[in-house]
Amino acid sequence: MSRRQDPAIRQFILENVEAYPGSITSVAAQMFGMTRTGIARYMKRLIAEELITAKGTTRARRYQLKPPKISDDTA
Protein backbone atom coordinates (compact mmCIF):
# COMPACT_ATOMS: atom_id res chain seq x y z
CA MET A 1 0.00 0.00 0.00
CA SER A 2 1.34 3.43 -0.95
CA ARG A 3 1.38 6.09 1.73
CA ARG A 4 0.53 9.65 0.94
CA GLN A 5 3.46 12.03 0.61
CA ASP A 6 3.73 15.09 2.84
CA PRO A 7 3.08 18.21 0.74
CA ALA A 8 5.46 20.26 2.93
CA ILE A 9 8.37 17.98 2.02
CA ARG A 10 7.49 18.08 -1.68
CA GLN A 11 7.29 21.89 -1.55
CA PHE A 12 10.62 22.15 0.29
CA ILE A 13 12.32 20.01 -2.35
CA LEU A 14 10.85 22.00 -5.23
CA GLU A 15 11.78 25.34 -3.62
CA ASN A 16 15.35 24.28 -2.73
CA VAL A 17 16.49 21.88 -5.45
CA GLU A 18 18.16 24.67 -7.44
CA ALA A 19 20.13 25.83 -4.38
CA TYR A 20 21.24 22.29 -3.47
CA PRO A 21 21.35 20.30 -6.74
CA GLY A 22 23.82 17.72 -5.45
CA SER A 23 22.69 17.49 -1.85
CA ILE A 24 18.94 18.14 -1.79
CA THR A 25 18.21 14.63 -0.47
CA SER A 26 20.57 15.11 2.47
CA VAL A 27 19.33 18.64 3.18
CA ALA A 28 15.67 17.58 3.09
CA ALA A 29 16.35 14.47 5.19
CA GLN A 30 18.01 16.57 7.88
CA MET A 31 15.31 19.24 7.74
CA PHE A 32 12.46 16.76 8.19
CA GLY A 33 14.20 14.16 10.37
CA MET A 34 13.97 11.45 7.71
CA THR A 35 16.42 9.11 6.05
CA ARG A 36 17.87 9.89 2.63
CA THR A 37 16.12 6.75 1.42
CA GLY A 38 12.79 8.21 2.51
CA ILE A 39 13.50 11.46 0.68
CA ALA A 40 14.62 9.46 -2.37
CA ARG A 41 11.03 8.22 -2.68
CA TYR A 42 9.88 11.83 -2.95
CA MET A 43 12.56 12.48 -5.55
CA LYS A 44 11.51 9.44 -7.55
CA ARG A 45 7.90 10.61 -7.62
CA LEU A 46 8.83 14.19 -8.55
CA ILE A 47 10.90 12.82 -11.44
CA ALA A 48 8.01 10.59 -12.54
CA GLU A 49 5.69 13.62 -12.42
CA GLU A 50 8.25 15.47 -14.57
CA LEU A 51 8.68 18.28 -12.05
CA ILE A 52 12.42 17.71 -11.65
CA THR A 53 15.15 16.00 -13.66
CA ALA A 54 18.11 13.94 -12.50
CA LYS A 55 21.51 13.58 -14.14
CA GLY A 56 24.34 11.31 -13.10
CA THR A 57 24.33 8.35 -10.78
CA THR A 58 24.81 7.71 -7.07
CA ARG A 59 27.08 10.32 -5.48
CA ALA A 60 27.41 12.35 -8.68
CA ARG A 61 23.63 12.70 -9.12
CA ARG A 62 22.38 16.24 -9.65
CA TYR A 63 18.77 17.37 -9.64
CA GLN A 64 17.15 20.43 -11.16
CA LEU A 65 13.70 21.80 -11.81
CA LYS A 66 12.34 20.75 -15.15
CA PRO A 67 11.72 23.78 -17.34
CA PRO A 68 8.03 24.42 -17.92
CA LYS A 69 6.65 23.33 -21.27
CA ILE A 70 5.74 26.19 -23.54
CA SER A 71 2.42 25.44 -25.13
CA ASP A 72 1.42 26.68 -28.53
CA ASP A 73 -2.21 27.21 -27.53
CA THR A 74 -2.74 30.67 -28.95
CA ALA A 75 -6.33 30.56 -30.10
PDB file of N, CA and C in Angstrom:
ATOM      1  N   MET A   1       0.846  -1.183   0.000  1.00  0.00           N
ATOM      2  CA  MET A   1       0.000   0.000   0.000  1.00  0.00           C
ATOM      3  C   MET A   1       0.891   1.246   0.000  1.00  0.00           C
ATOM      4  N   SER A   2       0.572   2.195  -0.838  1.00  0.00           N
ATOM      5  CA  SER A   2       1.344   3.427  -0.947  1.00  0.00           C
ATOM      6  C   SER A   2       0.838   4.456   0.055  1.00  0.00           C
ATOM      7  N   ARG A   3       1.772   5.040   0.790  1.00  0.00           N
ATOM      8  CA  ARG A   3       1.383   6.091   1.729  1.00  0.00           C
ATOM      9  C   ARG A   3       1.421   7.433   1.023  1.00  0.00           C
ATOM     10  N   ARG A   4       0.615   8.316   1.512  1.00  0.00           N
ATOM     11  CA  ARG A   4       0.531   9.655   0.939  1.00  0.00           C
ATOM     12  C   ARG A   4       1.781  10.457   1.291  1.00  0.00           C
ATOM     13  N   GLN A   5       2.286  11.220   0.352  1.00  0.00           N
ATOM     14  CA  GLN A   5       3.463  12.032   0.612  1.00  0.00           C
ATOM     15  C   GLN A   5       3.078  13.356   1.250  1.00  0.00           C
ATOM     16  N   ASP A   6       3.943  13.834   2.120  1.00  0.00           N
ATOM     17  CA  ASP A   6       3.734  15.087   2.836  1.00  0.00           C
ATOM     18  C   ASP A   6       3.943  16.265   1.878  1.00  0.00           C
ATOM     19  N   PRO A   7       2.931  17.091   1.669  1.00  0.00           N
ATOM     20  CA  PRO A   7       3.076  18.213   0.743  1.00  0.00           C
ATOM     21  C   PRO A   7       4.159  19.205   1.172  1.00  0.00           C
ATOM     22  N   ALA A   8       4.423  19.331   2.456  1.00  0.00           N
ATOM     23  CA  ALA A   8       5.457  20.259   2.927  1.00  0.00           C
ATOM     24  C   ALA A   8       6.845  19.805   2.465  1.00  0.00           C
ATOM     25  N   ILE A   9       7.072  18.505   2.461  1.00  0.00           N
ATOM     26  CA  ILE A   9       8.366  17.976   2.015  1.00  0.00           C
ATOM     27  C   ILE A   9       8.515  18.184   0.509  1.00  0.00           C
ATOM     28  N   ARG A  10       7.460  17.877  -0.228  1.00  0.00           N
ATOM     29  CA  ARG A  10       7.486  18.083  -1.680  1.00  0.00           C
ATOM     30  C   ARG A  10       7.780  19.548  -1.998  1.00  0.00           C
ATOM     31  N   GLN A  11       7.109  20.465  -1.315  1.00  0.00           N
ATOM     32  CA  GLN A  11       7.292  21.894  -1.553  1.00  0.00           C
ATOM     33  C   GLN A  11       8.715  22.325  -1.213  1.00  0.00           C
ATOM     34  N   PHE A  12       9.243  21.822  -0.095  1.00  0.00           N
ATOM     35  CA  PHE A  12      10.619  22.146   0.292  1.00  0.00           C
ATOM     36  C   PHE A  12      11.599  21.720  -0.797  1.00  0.00           C
ATOM     37  N   ILE A  13      11.419  20.510  -1.301  1.00  0.00           N
ATOM     38  CA  ILE A  13      12.315  20.013  -2.352  1.00  0.00           C
ATOM     39  C   ILE A  13      12.223  20.899  -3.586  1.00  0.00           C
ATOM     40  N   LEU A  14      11.019  21.188  -4.028  1.00  0.00           N
ATOM     41  CA  LEU A  14      10.847  22.002  -5.232  1.00  0.00           C
ATOM     42  C   LEU A  14      11.409  23.413  -5.063  1.00  0.00           C
ATOM     43  N   GLU A  15      11.282  23.972  -3.865  1.00  0.00           N
ATOM     44  CA  GLU A  15      11.783  25.336  -3.625  1.00  0.00           C
ATOM     45  C   GLU A  15      13.294  25.385  -3.442  1.00  0.00           C
ATOM     46  N   ASN A  16      13.923  24.265  -3.074  1.00  0.00           N
ATOM     47  CA  ASN A  16      15.346  24.281  -2.734  1.00  0.00           C
ATOM     48  C   ASN A  16      16.246  23.453  -3.638  1.00  0.00           C
ATOM     49  N   VAL A  17      15.678  22.753  -4.605  1.00  0.00           N
ATOM     50  CA  VAL A  17      16.489  21.884  -5.455  1.00  0.00           C
ATOM     51  C   VAL A  17      17.528  22.671  -6.258  1.00  0.00           C
ATOM     52  N   GLU A  18      17.207  23.869  -6.675  1.00  0.00           N
ATOM     53  CA  GLU A  18      18.164  24.672  -7.439  1.00  0.00           C
ATOM     54  C   GLU A  18      19.332  25.133  -6.559  1.00  0.00           C
ATOM     55  N   ALA A  19      19.077  25.395  -5.293  1.00  0.00           N
ATOM     56  CA  ALA A  19      20.131  25.835  -4.379  1.00  0.00           C
ATOM     57  C   ALA A  19      21.040  24.682  -3.957  1.00  0.00           C
ATOM     58  N   TYR A  20      20.498  23.466  -3.929  1.00  0.00           N
ATOM     59  CA  TYR A  20      21.245  22.286  -3.475  1.00  0.00           C
ATOM     60  C   TYR A  20      21.117  21.143  -4.485  1.00  0.00           C
ATOM     61  N   PRO A  21      21.576  21.320  -5.725  1.00  0.00           N
ATOM     62  CA  PRO A  21      21.350  20.297  -6.743  1.00  0.00           C
ATOM     63  C   PRO A  21      22.014  18.951  -6.452  1.00  0.00           C
ATOM     64  N   GLY A  22      23.119  18.958  -5.743  1.00  0.00           N
ATOM     65  CA  GLY A  22      23.821  17.716  -5.453  1.00  0.00           C
ATOM     66  C   GLY A  22      23.581  17.173  -4.065  1.00  0.00           C
ATOM     67  N   SER A  23      22.875  17.935  -3.236  1.00  0.00           N
ATOM     68  CA  SER A  23      22.693  17.489  -1.854  1.00  0.00           C
ATOM     69  C   SER A  23      21.267  17.678  -1.340  1.00  0.00           C
ATOM     70  N   ILE A  24      20.313  17.882  -2.235  1.00  0.00           N
ATOM     71  CA  ILE A  24      18.941  18.142  -1.792  1.00  0.00           C
ATOM     72  C   ILE A  24      18.386  16.994  -0.956  1.00  0.00           C
ATOM     73  N   THR A  25      18.740  15.751  -1.265  1.00  0.00           N
ATOM     74  CA  THR A  25      18.214  14.635  -0.473  1.00  0.00           C
ATOM     75  C   THR A  25      18.729  14.704   0.959  1.00  0.00           C
ATOM     76  N   SER A  26      20.000  15.004   1.127  1.00  0.00           N
ATOM     77  CA  SER A  26      20.567  15.112   2.473  1.00  0.00           C
ATOM     78  C   SER A  26      19.991  16.297   3.233  1.00  0.00           C
ATOM     79  N   VAL A  27      19.867  17.430   2.550  1.00  0.00           N
ATOM     80  CA  VAL A  27      19.335  18.637   3.181  1.00  0.00           C
ATOM     81  C   VAL A  27      17.893  18.401   3.631  1.00  0.00           C
ATOM     82  N   ALA A  28      17.073  17.831   2.748  1.00  0.00           N
ATOM     83  CA  ALA A  28      15.672  17.577   3.086  1.00  0.00           C
ATOM     84  C   ALA A  28      15.553  16.536   4.194  1.00  0.00           C
ATOM     85  N   ALA A  29      16.389  15.509   4.151  1.00  0.00           N
ATOM     86  CA  ALA A  29      16.352  14.474   5.186  1.00  0.00           C
ATOM     87  C   ALA A  29      16.648  15.075   6.551  1.00  0.00           C
ATOM     88  N   GLN A  30      17.657  15.921   6.612  1.00  0.00           N
ATOM     89  CA  GLN A  30      18.014  16.567   7.876  1.00  0.00           C
ATOM     90  C   GLN A  30      16.902  17.515   8.338  1.00  0.00           C
ATOM     91  N   MET A  31      16.352  18.270   7.411  1.00  0.00           N
ATOM     92  CA  MET A  31      15.312  19.241   7.741  1.00  0.00           C
ATOM     93  C   MET A  31      14.065  18.579   8.332  1.00  0.00           C
ATOM     94  N   PHE A  32      13.694  17.411   7.778  1.00  0.00           N
ATOM     95  CA  PHE A  32      12.456  16.757   8.190  1.00  0.00           C
ATOM     96  C   PHE A  32      12.671  15.536   9.074  1.00  0.00           C
ATOM     97  N   GLY A  33      13.920  15.284   9.483  1.00  0.00           N
ATOM     98  CA  GLY A  33      14.203  14.161  10.369  1.00  0.00           C
ATOM     99  C   GLY A  33      13.906  12.811   9.734  1.00  0.00           C
ATOM    100  N   MET A  34      14.208  12.692   8.453  1.00  0.00           N
ATOM    101  CA  MET A  34      13.968  11.454   7.714  1.00  0.00           C
ATOM    102  C   MET A  34      15.292  10.888   7.226  1.00  0.00           C
ATOM    103  N   THR A  35      15.235   9.687   6.676  1.00  0.00           N
ATOM    104  CA  THR A  35      16.420   9.108   6.048  1.00  0.00           C
ATOM    105  C   THR A  35      16.518   9.615   4.609  1.00  0.00           C
ATOM    106  N   ARG A  36      17.718   9.520   4.027  1.00  0.00           N
ATOM    107  CA  ARG A  36      17.871   9.895   2.627  1.00  0.00           C
ATOM    108  C   ARG A  36      17.062   8.958   1.734  1.00  0.00           C
ATOM    109  N   THR A  37      16.926   7.707   2.169  1.00  0.00           N
ATOM    110  CA  THR A  37      16.118   6.750   1.416  1.00  0.00           C
ATOM    111  C   THR A  37      14.664   7.202   1.367  1.00  0.00           C
ATOM    112  N   GLY A  38      14.164   7.699   2.473  1.00  0.00           N
ATOM    113  CA  GLY A  38      12.792   8.208   2.510  1.00  0.00           C
ATOM    114  C   GLY A  38      12.604   9.388   1.576  1.00  0.00           C
ATOM    115  N   ILE A  39      13.568  10.294   1.563  1.00  0.00           N
ATOM    116  CA  ILE A  39      13.497  11.455   0.681  1.00  0.00           C
ATOM    117  C   ILE A  39      13.656  11.013  -0.774  1.00  0.00           C
ATOM    118  N   ALA A  40      14.434   9.972  -1.003  1.00  0.00           N
ATOM    119  CA  ALA A  40      14.619   9.464  -2.373  1.00  0.00           C
ATOM    120  C   ALA A  40      13.283   9.044  -2.985  1.00  0.00           C
ATOM    121  N   ARG A  41      12.362   8.574  -2.168  1.00  0.00           N
ATOM    122  CA  ARG A  41      11.031   8.223  -2.677  1.00  0.00           C
ATOM    123  C   ARG A  41      10.305   9.471  -3.195  1.00  0.00           C
ATOM    124  N   TYR A  42      10.462  10.575  -2.485  1.00  0.00           N
ATOM    125  CA  TYR A  42       9.879  11.835  -2.950  1.00  0.00           C
ATOM    126  C   TYR A  42      10.525  12.246  -4.275  1.00  0.00           C
ATOM    127  N   MET A  43      11.842  12.108  -4.343  1.00  0.00           N
ATOM    128  CA  MET A  43      12.565  12.484  -5.552  1.00  0.00           C
ATOM    129  C   MET A  43      12.093  11.646  -6.736  1.00  0.00           C
ATOM    130  N   LYS A  44      11.943  10.359  -6.502  1.00  0.00           N
ATOM    131  CA  LYS A  44      11.511   9.444  -7.553  1.00  0.00           C
ATOM    132  C   LYS A  44      10.134   9.851  -8.096  1.00  0.00           C
ATOM    133  N   ARG A  45       9.247  10.202  -7.192  1.00  0.00           N
ATOM    134  CA  ARG A  45       7.901  10.607  -7.615  1.00  0.00           C
ATOM    135  C   ARG A  45       7.940  11.943  -8.351  1.00  0.00           C
ATOM    136  N   LEU A  46       8.731  12.893  -7.875  1.00  0.00           N
ATOM    137  CA  LEU A  46       8.832  14.192  -8.548  1.00  0.00           C
ATOM    138  C   LEU A  46       9.422  14.040  -9.950  1.00  0.00           C
ATOM    139  N   ILE A  47      10.353  13.102 -10.110  1.00  0.00           N
ATOM    140  CA  ILE A  47      10.904  12.821 -11.437  1.00  0.00           C
ATOM    141  C   ILE A  47       9.827  12.201 -12.321  1.00  0.00           C
ATOM    142  N   ALA A  48       9.080  11.243 -11.780  1.00  0.00           N
ATOM    143  CA  ALA A  48       8.011  10.585 -12.542  1.00  0.00           C
ATOM    144  C   ALA A  48       6.933  11.592 -12.956  1.00  0.00           C
ATOM    145  N   GLU A  49       6.681  12.575 -12.111  1.00  0.00           N
ATOM    146  CA  GLU A  49       5.690  13.622 -12.415  1.00  0.00           C
ATOM    147  C   GLU A  49       6.269  14.706 -13.320  1.00  0.00           C
ATOM    148  N   GLU A  50       7.533  14.542 -13.693  1.00  0.00           N
ATOM    149  CA  GLU A  50       8.247  15.471 -14.570  1.00  0.00           C
ATOM    150  C   GLU A  50       8.333  16.890 -14.011  1.00  0.00           C
ATOM    151  N   LEU A  51       8.483  16.977 -12.691  1.00  0.00           N
ATOM    152  CA  LEU A  51       8.679  18.284 -12.055  1.00  0.00           C
ATOM    153  C   LEU A  51      10.157  18.593 -11.866  1.00  0.00           C
ATOM    154  N   ILE A  52      10.975  17.542 -11.735  1.00  0.00           N
ATOM    155  CA  ILE A  52      12.419  17.712 -11.647  1.00  0.00           C
ATOM    156  C   ILE A  52      13.089  16.691 -12.567  1.00  0.00           C
ATOM    157  N   THR A  53      14.363  16.943 -12.873  1.00  0.00           N
ATOM    158  CA  THR A  53      15.146  15.997 -13.658  1.00  0.00           C
ATOM    159  C   THR A  53      16.360  15.589 -12.835  1.00  0.00           C
ATOM    160  N   ALA A  54      16.924  14.437 -13.180  1.00  0.00           N
ATOM    161  CA  ALA A  54      18.110  13.938 -12.496  1.00  0.00           C
ATOM    162  C   ALA A  54      19.153  13.569 -13.541  1.00  0.00           C
ATOM    163  N   LYS A  55      20.399  13.934 -13.264  1.00  0.00           N
ATOM    164  CA  LYS A  55      21.506  13.578 -14.141  1.00  0.00           C
ATOM    165  C   LYS A  55      22.598  12.968 -13.289  1.00  0.00           C
ATOM    166  N   GLY A  56      23.269  11.977 -13.829  1.00  0.00           N
ATOM    167  CA  GLY A  56      24.343  11.314 -13.105  1.00  0.00           C
ATOM    168  C   GLY A  56      23.806  10.166 -12.272  1.00  0.00           C
ATOM    169  N   THR A  57      24.715   9.488 -11.607  1.00  0.00           N
ATOM    170  CA  THR A  57      24.333   8.349 -10.776  1.00  0.00           C
ATOM    171  C   THR A  57      24.961   8.464  -9.394  1.00  0.00           C
ATOM    172  N   THR A  58      24.373   7.799  -8.471  1.00  0.00           N
ATOM    173  CA  THR A  58      24.810   7.712  -7.067  1.00  0.00           C
ATOM    174  C   THR A  58      25.308   9.045  -6.530  1.00  0.00           C
ATOM    175  N   ARG A  59      26.559   9.114  -6.124  1.00  0.00           N
ATOM    176  CA  ARG A  59      27.083  10.319  -5.476  1.00  0.00           C
ATOM    177  C   ARG A  59      27.201  11.516  -6.415  1.00  0.00           C
ATOM    178  N   ALA A  60      27.268  11.265  -7.708  1.00  0.00           N
ATOM    179  CA  ALA A  60      27.409  12.354  -8.683  1.00  0.00           C
ATOM    180  C   ALA A  60      26.059  12.841  -9.196  1.00  0.00           C
ATOM    181  N   ARG A  61      24.971  12.342  -8.650  1.00  0.00           N
ATOM    182  CA  ARG A  61      23.632  12.701  -9.123  1.00  0.00           C
ATOM    183  C   ARG A  61      23.324  14.157  -8.799  1.00  0.00           C
ATOM    184  N   ARG A  62      22.777  14.838  -9.785  1.00  0.00           N
ATOM    185  CA  ARG A  62      22.376  16.240  -9.653  1.00  0.00           C
ATOM    186  C   ARG A  62      20.924  16.365 -10.081  1.00  0.00           C
ATOM    187  N   TYR A  63      20.178  17.155  -9.339  1.00  0.00           N
ATOM    188  CA  TYR A  63      18.769  17.375  -9.635  1.00  0.00           C
ATOM    189  C   TYR A  63      18.560  18.822 -10.031  1.00  0.00           C
ATOM    190  N   GLN A  64      17.541  19.053 -10.836  1.00  0.00           N
ATOM    191  CA  GLN A  64      17.152  20.426 -11.163  1.00  0.00           C
ATOM    192  C   GLN A  64      15.681  20.443 -11.525  1.00  0.00           C
ATOM    193  N   LEU A  65      15.091  21.639 -11.412  1.00  0.00           N
ATOM    194  CA  LEU A  65      13.702  21.797 -11.812  1.00  0.00           C
ATOM    195  C   LEU A  65      13.607  21.589 -13.312  1.00  0.00           C
ATOM    196  N   LYS A  66      12.551  20.927 -13.721  1.00  0.00           N
ATOM    197  CA  LYS A  66      12.338  20.754 -15.153  1.00  0.00           C
ATOM    198  C   LYS A  66      11.730  22.036 -15.696  1.00  0.00           C
ATOM    199  N   PRO A  67      12.288  22.554 -16.781  1.00  0.00           N
ATOM    200  CA  PRO A  67      11.721  23.781 -17.341  1.00  0.00           C
ATOM    201  C   PRO A  67      10.264  23.570 -17.741  1.00  0.00           C
ATOM    202  N   PRO A  68       9.440  24.566 -17.539  1.00  0.00           N
ATOM    203  CA  PRO A  68       8.025  24.420 -17.925  1.00  0.00           C
ATOM    204  C   PRO A  68       7.904  24.276 -19.440  1.00  0.00           C
ATOM    205  N   LYS A  69       6.912  23.497 -19.834  1.00  0.00           N
ATOM    206  CA  LYS A  69       6.655  23.333 -21.270  1.00  0.00           C
ATOM    207  C   LYS A  69       5.947  24.579 -21.782  1.00  0.00           C
ATOM    208  N   ILE A  70       6.387  25.059 -22.898  1.00  0.00           N
ATOM    209  CA  ILE A  70       5.744  26.194 -23.536  1.00  0.00           C
ATOM    210  C   ILE A  70       4.706  25.628 -24.500  1.00  0.00           C
ATOM    211  N   SER A  71       3.459  25.960 -24.242  1.00  0.00           N
ATOM    212  CA  SER A  71       2.422  25.442 -25.129  1.00  0.00           C
ATOM    213  C   SER A  71       2.178  26.418 -26.269  1.00  0.00           C
ATOM    214  N   ASP A  72       1.692  25.879 -27.352  1.00  0.00           N
ATOM    215  CA  ASP A  72       1.425  26.684 -28.532  1.00  0.00           C
ATOM    216  C   ASP A  72      -0.076  26.882 -28.690  1.00  0.00           C
ATOM    217  N   ASP A  73      -0.758  27.085 -27.543  1.00  0.00           N
ATOM    218  CA  ASP A  73      -2.212  27.206 -27.532  1.00  0.00           C
ATOM    219  C   ASP A  73      -2.648  28.659 -27.650  1.00  0.00           C
ATOM    220  N   THR A  74      -2.321  29.286 -28.734  1.00  0.00           N
ATOM    221  CA  THR A  74      -2.742  30.669 -28.952  1.00  0.00           C
ATOM    222  C   THR A  74      -3.946  30.645 -29.883  1.00  0.00           C
ATOM    223  N   ALA A  75      -5.105  30.664 -29.277  1.00  0.00           N
ATOM    224  CA  ALA A  75      -6.330  30.563 -30.103  1.00  0.00           C
ATOM    225  C   ALA A  75      -7.075  31.851 -30.141  1.00  0.00           C
TER     226      ALA A  75
END
